[in-house]
Amino acid sequence: MAEKFTRWDASDHLKTEEDITAYIEDCLDDDPGDGSLVRAALGDIAKARNLRKANEG
């Protein structure tokens, strides 16, 4: 049986400031020490905020 994968984007799930705060805190805790996870999280947060603003306007 073949595995089926779907697209998942963290920015789709960052709806509130509380979501964003929890996400960045977890990413800070789990970052391997080179900042790669934190950089990815900041990109996700920027995308989520832009999407939210677009939907509000």
PDB file of N, CA and C in Angstrom:
ATOM      1  N   MET A   1       0.841  -1.174   0.000  1.00  0.00           N
ATOM      2  CA  MET A   1       0.000   0.000   0.000  1.00  0.00           C
ATOM      3  C   MET A   1       0.893   1.245   0.000  1.00  0.00           C
ATOM      4  N   ALA A   2       0.684   2.104  -0.958  1.00  0.00           N
ATOM      5  CA  ALA A   2       1.501   3.297  -1.116  1.00  0.00           C
ATOM      6  C   ALA A   2       1.083   4.366  -0.104  1.00  0.00           C
ATOM      7  N   GLU A   3       2.077   5.079   0.401  1.00  0.00           N
ATOM      8  CA  GLU A   3       1.787   6.180   1.315  1.00  0.00           C
ATOM      9  C   GLU A   3       1.272   7.366   0.527  1.00  0.00           C
ATOM     10  N   LYS A   4       0.352   8.079   1.128  1.00  0.00           N
ATOM     11  CA  LYS A   4      -0.183   9.271   0.493  1.00  0.00           C
ATOM     12  C   LYS A   4       0.156  10.470   1.382  1.00  0.00           C
ATOM     13  N   PHE A   5       0.764  11.473   0.782  1.00  0.00           N
ATOM     14  CA  PHE A   5       1.149  12.666   1.510  1.00  0.00           C
ATOM     15  C   PHE A   5       0.297  13.839   1.061  1.00  0.00           C
ATOM     16  N   THR A   6       0.054  14.753   1.981  1.00  0.00           N
ATOM     17  CA  THR A   6      -0.671  15.973   1.648  1.00  0.00           C
ATOM     18  C   THR A   6       0.186  17.169   2.043  1.00  0.00           C
ATOM     19  N   ARG A   7      -0.110  18.291   1.455  1.00  0.00           N
ATOM     20  CA  ARG A   7       0.605  19.530   1.741  1.00  0.00           C
ATOM     21  C   ARG A   7       0.147  20.053   3.100  1.00  0.00           C
ATOM     22  N   TRP A   8       1.092  20.455   3.938  1.00  0.00           N
ATOM     23  CA  TRP A   8       0.781  21.044   5.233  1.00  0.00           C
ATOM     24  C   TRP A   8       1.602  22.309   5.382  1.00  0.00           C
ATOM     25  N   ASP A   9       0.958  23.395   5.748  1.00  0.00           N
ATOM     26  CA  ASP A   9       1.629  24.679   5.886  1.00  0.00           C
ATOM     27  C   ASP A   9       1.274  25.260   7.251  1.00  0.00           C
ATOM     28  N   ALA A  10       2.272  25.479   8.079  1.00  0.00           N
ATOM     29  CA  ALA A  10       2.046  26.003   9.430  1.00  0.00           C
ATOM     30  C   ALA A  10       1.287  27.323   9.398  1.00  0.00           C
ATOM     31  N   SER A  11       1.541  28.147   8.398  1.00  0.00           N
ATOM     32  CA  SER A  11       0.899  29.464   8.349  1.00  0.00           C
ATOM     33  C   SER A  11      -0.626  29.368   8.244  1.00  0.00           C
ATOM     34  N   ASP A  12      -1.122  28.249   7.759  1.00  0.00           N
ATOM     35  CA  ASP A  12      -2.570  28.051   7.679  1.00  0.00           C
ATOM     36  C   ASP A  12      -3.203  27.882   9.058  1.00  0.00           C
ATOM     37  N   HIS A  13      -2.394  27.605  10.059  1.00  0.00           N
ATOM     38  CA  HIS A  13      -2.908  27.295  11.392  1.00  0.00           C
ATOM     39  C   HIS A  13      -2.570  28.362  12.423  1.00  0.00           C
ATOM     40  N   LEU A  14      -1.921  29.422  12.006  1.00  0.00           N
ATOM     41  CA  LEU A  14      -1.559  30.500  12.924  1.00  0.00           C
ATOM     42  C   LEU A  14      -2.605  31.605  12.809  1.00  0.00           C
ATOM     43  N   LYS A  15      -3.691  31.439  13.527  1.00  0.00           N
ATOM     44  CA  LYS A  15      -4.846  32.332  13.392  1.00  0.00           C
ATOM     45  C   LYS A  15      -4.826  33.498  14.373  1.00  0.00           C
ATOM     46  N   THR A  16      -4.244  33.312  15.560  1.00  0.00           N
ATOM     47  CA  THR A  16      -4.278  34.342  16.597  1.00  0.00           C
ATOM     48  C   THR A  16      -2.854  34.664  17.057  1.00  0.00           C
ATOM     49  N   GLU A  17      -2.735  35.743  17.792  1.00  0.00           N
ATOM     50  CA  GLU A  17      -1.432  36.089  18.362  1.00  0.00           C
ATOM     51  C   GLU A  17      -0.975  35.018  19.347  1.00  0.00           C
ATOM     52  N   GLU A  18      -1.921  34.391  20.032  1.00  0.00           N
ATOM     53  CA  GLU A  18      -1.577  33.309  20.952  1.00  0.00           C
ATOM     54  C   GLU A  18      -1.002  32.115  20.202  1.00  0.00           C
ATOM     55  N   ASP A  19      -1.578  31.798  19.040  1.00  0.00           N
ATOM     56  CA  ASP A  19      -1.045  30.716  18.202  1.00  0.00           C
ATOM     57  C   ASP A  19       0.393  31.032  17.793  1.00  0.00           C
ATOM     58  N   ILE A  20       0.613  32.259  17.384  1.00  0.00           N
ATOM     59  CA  ILE A  20       1.934  32.678  16.914  1.00  0.00           C
ATOM     60  C   ILE A  20       2.951  32.624  18.049  1.00  0.00           C
ATOM     61  N   THR A  21       2.550  33.106  19.220  1.00  0.00           N
ATOM     62  CA  THR A  21       3.448  33.095  20.370  1.00  0.00           C
ATOM     63  C   THR A  21       3.846  31.673  20.740  1.00  0.00           C
ATOM     64  N   ALA A  22       2.877  30.788  20.813  1.00  0.00           N
ATOM     65  CA  ALA A  22       3.172  29.389  21.156  1.00  0.00           C
ATOM     66  C   ALA A  22       4.079  28.757  20.107  1.00  0.00           C
ATOM     67  N   TYR A  23       3.823  29.037  18.846  1.00  0.00           N
ATOM     68  CA  TYR A  23       4.606  28.462  17.751  1.00  0.00           C
ATOM     69  C   TYR A  23       6.065  28.913  17.811  1.00  0.00           C
ATOM     70  N   ILE A  24       6.288  30.219  17.979  1.00  0.00           N
ATOM     71  CA  ILE A  24       7.670  30.706  17.993  1.00  0.00           C
ATOM     72  C   ILE A  24       8.393  30.214  19.242  1.00  0.00           C
ATOM     73  N   GLU A  25       7.698  30.130  20.374  1.00  0.00           N
ATOM     74  CA  GLU A  25       8.329  29.605  21.587  1.00  0.00           C
ATOM     75  C   GLU A  25       8.759  28.154  21.398  1.00  0.00           C
ATOM     76  N   ASP A  26       7.890  27.348  20.806  1.00  0.00           N
ATOM     77  CA  ASP A  26       8.235  25.942  20.557  1.00  0.00           C
ATOM     78  C   ASP A  26       9.396  25.825  19.572  1.00  0.00           C
ATOM     79  N   CYS A  27       9.397  26.656  18.555  1.00  0.00           N
ATOM     80  CA  CYS A  27      10.484  26.611  17.583  1.00  0.00           C
ATOM     81  C   CYS A  27      11.807  27.052  18.201  1.00  0.00           C
ATOM     82  N   LEU A  28      11.754  28.031  19.086  1.00  0.00           N
ATOM     83  CA  LEU A  28      12.970  28.445  19.793  1.00  0.00           C
ATOM     84  C   LEU A  28      13.516  27.300  20.640  1.00  0.00           C
ATOM     85  N   ASP A  29      12.616  26.568  21.299  1.00  0.00           N
ATOM     86  CA  ASP A  29      13.028  25.433  22.130  1.00  0.00           C
ATOM     87  C   ASP A  29      13.617  24.298  21.300  1.00  0.00           C
ATOM     88  N   ASP A  30      13.062  24.072  20.108  1.00  0.00           N
ATOM     89  CA  ASP A  30      13.445  22.913  19.299  1.00  0.00           C
ATOM     90  C   ASP A  30      14.516  23.205  18.246  1.00  0.00           C
ATOM     91  N   ASP A  31      14.894  24.460  18.104  1.00  0.00           N
ATOM     92  CA  ASP A  31      15.897  24.812  17.094  1.00  0.00           C
ATOM     93  C   ASP A  31      17.202  24.045  17.364  1.00  0.00           C
ATOM     94  N   PRO A  32      17.828  23.510  16.312  1.00  0.00           N
ATOM     95  CA  PRO A  32      19.039  22.714  16.512  1.00  0.00           C
ATOM     96  C   PRO A  32      20.285  23.537  16.872  1.00  0.00           C
ATOM     97  N   GLY A  33      20.155  24.851  16.986  1.00  0.00           N
ATOM     98  CA  GLY A  33      21.286  25.673  17.374  1.00  0.00           C
ATOM     99  C   GLY A  33      21.843  26.530  16.260  1.00  0.00           C
ATOM    100  N   ASP A  34      21.352  26.317  15.053  1.00  0.00           N
ATOM    101  CA  ASP A  34      21.847  27.109  13.933  1.00  0.00           C
ATOM    102  C   ASP A  34      20.845  28.164  13.455  1.00  0.00           C
ATOM    103  N   GLY A  35      19.717  28.258  14.137  1.00  0.00           N
ATOM    104  CA  GLY A  35      18.706  29.250  13.781  1.00  0.00           C
ATOM    105  C   GLY A  35      17.813  28.866  12.617  1.00  0.00           C
ATOM    106  N   SER A  36      18.006  27.694  12.050  1.00  0.00           N
ATOM    107  CA  SER A  36      17.237  27.309  10.861  1.00  0.00           C
ATOM    108  C   SER A  36      15.740  27.179  11.150  1.00  0.00           C
ATOM    109  N   LEU A  37      15.397  26.601  12.286  1.00  0.00           N
ATOM    110  CA  LEU A  37      13.980  26.429  12.614  1.00  0.00           C
ATOM    111  C   LEU A  37      13.348  27.774  12.946  1.00  0.00           C
ATOM    112  N   VAL A  38      14.082  28.635  13.619  1.00  0.00           N
ATOM    113  CA  VAL A  38      13.580  29.966  13.957  1.00  0.00           C
ATOM    114  C   VAL A  38      13.350  30.779  12.681  1.00  0.00           C
ATOM    115  N   ARG A  39      14.285  30.715  11.738  1.00  0.00           N
ATOM    116  CA  ARG A  39      14.108  31.429  10.457  1.00  0.00           C
ATOM    117  C   ARG A  39      12.877  30.919   9.716  1.00  0.00           C
ATOM    118  N   ALA A  40      12.693  29.612   9.689  1.00  0.00           N
ATOM    119  CA  ALA A  40      11.519  29.045   9.020  1.00  0.00           C
ATOM    120  C   ALA A  40      10.234  29.496   9.715  1.00  0.00           C
ATOM    121  N   ALA A  41      10.257  29.518  11.038  1.00  0.00           N
ATOM    122  CA  ALA A  41       9.077  29.937  11.802  1.00  0.00           C
ATOM    123  C   ALA A  41       8.745  31.398  11.528  1.00  0.00           C
ATOM    124  N   LEU A  42       9.754  32.248  11.462  1.00  0.00           N
ATOM    125  CA  LEU A  42       9.507  33.660  11.177  1.00  0.00           C
ATOM    126  C   LEU A  42       8.887  33.843   9.789  1.00  0.00           C
ATOM    127  N   GLY A  43       9.312  33.034   8.836  1.00  0.00           N
ATOM    128  CA  GLY A  43       8.694  33.068   7.505  1.00  0.00           C
ATOM    129  C   GLY A  43       7.242  32.633   7.547  1.00  0.00           C
ATOM    130  N   ASP A  44       6.966  31.580   8.314  1.00  0.00           N
ATOM    131  CA  ASP A  44       5.585  31.114   8.469  1.00  0.00           C
ATOM    132  C   ASP A  44       4.710  32.185   9.113  1.00  0.00           C
ATOM    133  N   ILE A  45       5.256  32.852  10.128  1.00  0.00           N
ATOM    134  CA  ILE A  45       4.504  33.889  10.832  1.00  0.00           C
ATOM    135  C   ILE A  45       4.229  35.074   9.911  1.00  0.00           C
ATOM    136  N   ALA A  46       5.226  35.483   9.152  1.00  0.00           N
ATOM    137  CA  ALA A  46       5.028  36.588   8.208  1.00  0.00           C
ATOM    138  C   ALA A  46       3.959  36.235   7.187  1.00  0.00           C
ATOM    139  N   LYS A  47       4.009  35.027   6.684  1.00  0.00           N
ATOM    140  CA  LYS A  47       3.011  34.583   5.710  1.00  0.00           C
ATOM    141  C   LYS A  47       1.618  34.566   6.333  1.00  0.00           C
ATOM    142  N   ALA A  48       1.505  34.060   7.553  1.00  0.00           N
ATOM    143  CA  ALA A  48       0.208  33.990   8.230  1.00  0.00           C
ATOM    144  C   ALA A  48      -0.362  35.385   8.455  1.00  0.00           C
ATOM    145  N   ARG A  49       0.475  36.319   8.856  1.00  0.00           N
ATOM    146  CA  ARG A  49       0.002  37.687   9.103  1.00  0.00           C
ATOM    147  C   ARG A  49      -0.427  38.363   7.806  1.00  0.00           C
ATOM    148  N   ASN A  50       0.312  38.147   6.744  1.00  0.00           N
ATOM    149  CA  ASN A  50      -0.077  38.728   5.450  1.00  0.00           C
ATOM    150  C   ASN A  50      -1.384  38.132   4.963  1.00  0.00           C
ATOM    151  N   LEU A  51      -1.572  36.836   5.143  1.00  0.00           N
ATOM    152  CA  LEU A  51      -2.817  36.194   4.738  1.00  0.00           C
ATOM    153  C   LEU A  51      -3.994  36.724   5.555  1.00  0.00           C
ATOM    154  N   ARG A  52      -3.760  36.895   6.850  1.00  0.00           N
ATOM    155  CA  ARG A  52      -4.820  37.390   7.727  1.00  0.00           C
ATOM    156  C   ARG A  52      -5.210  38.819   7.339  1.00  0.00           C
ATOM    157  N   LYS A  53      -4.225  39.678   7.064  1.00  0.00           N
ATOM    158  CA  LYS A  53      -4.508  41.055   6.664  1.00  0.00           C
ATOM    159  C   LYS A  53      -5.268  41.094   5.346  1.00  0.00           C
ATOM    160  N   ALA A  54      -4.881  40.220   4.414  1.00  0.00           N
ATOM    161  CA  ALA A  54      -5.552  40.173   3.109  1.00  0.00           C
ATOM    162  C   ALA A  54      -7.020  39.781   3.284  1.00  0.00           C
ATOM    163  N   ASN A  55      -7.293  38.887   4.212  1.00  0.00           N
ATOM    164  CA  ASN A  55      -8.674  38.436   4.432  1.00  0.00           C
ATOM    165  C   ASN A  55      -9.505  39.470   5.195  1.00  0.00           C
ATOM    166  N   GLU A  56      -8.845  40.348   5.960  1.00  0.00           N
ATOM    167  CA  GLU A  56      -9.552  41.370   6.705  1.00  0.00           C
ATOM    168  C   GLU A  56      -9.927  42.550   5.829  1.00  0.00           C
ATOM    169  N   GLY A  57      -9.113  42.812   4.820  1.00  0.00           N
ATOM    170  CA  GLY A  57      -9.278  44.025   4.003  1.00  0.00           C
ATOM    171  C   GLY A  57     -10.141  43.864   2.852  1.00  0.00           C
TER     172      GLY A  57
END
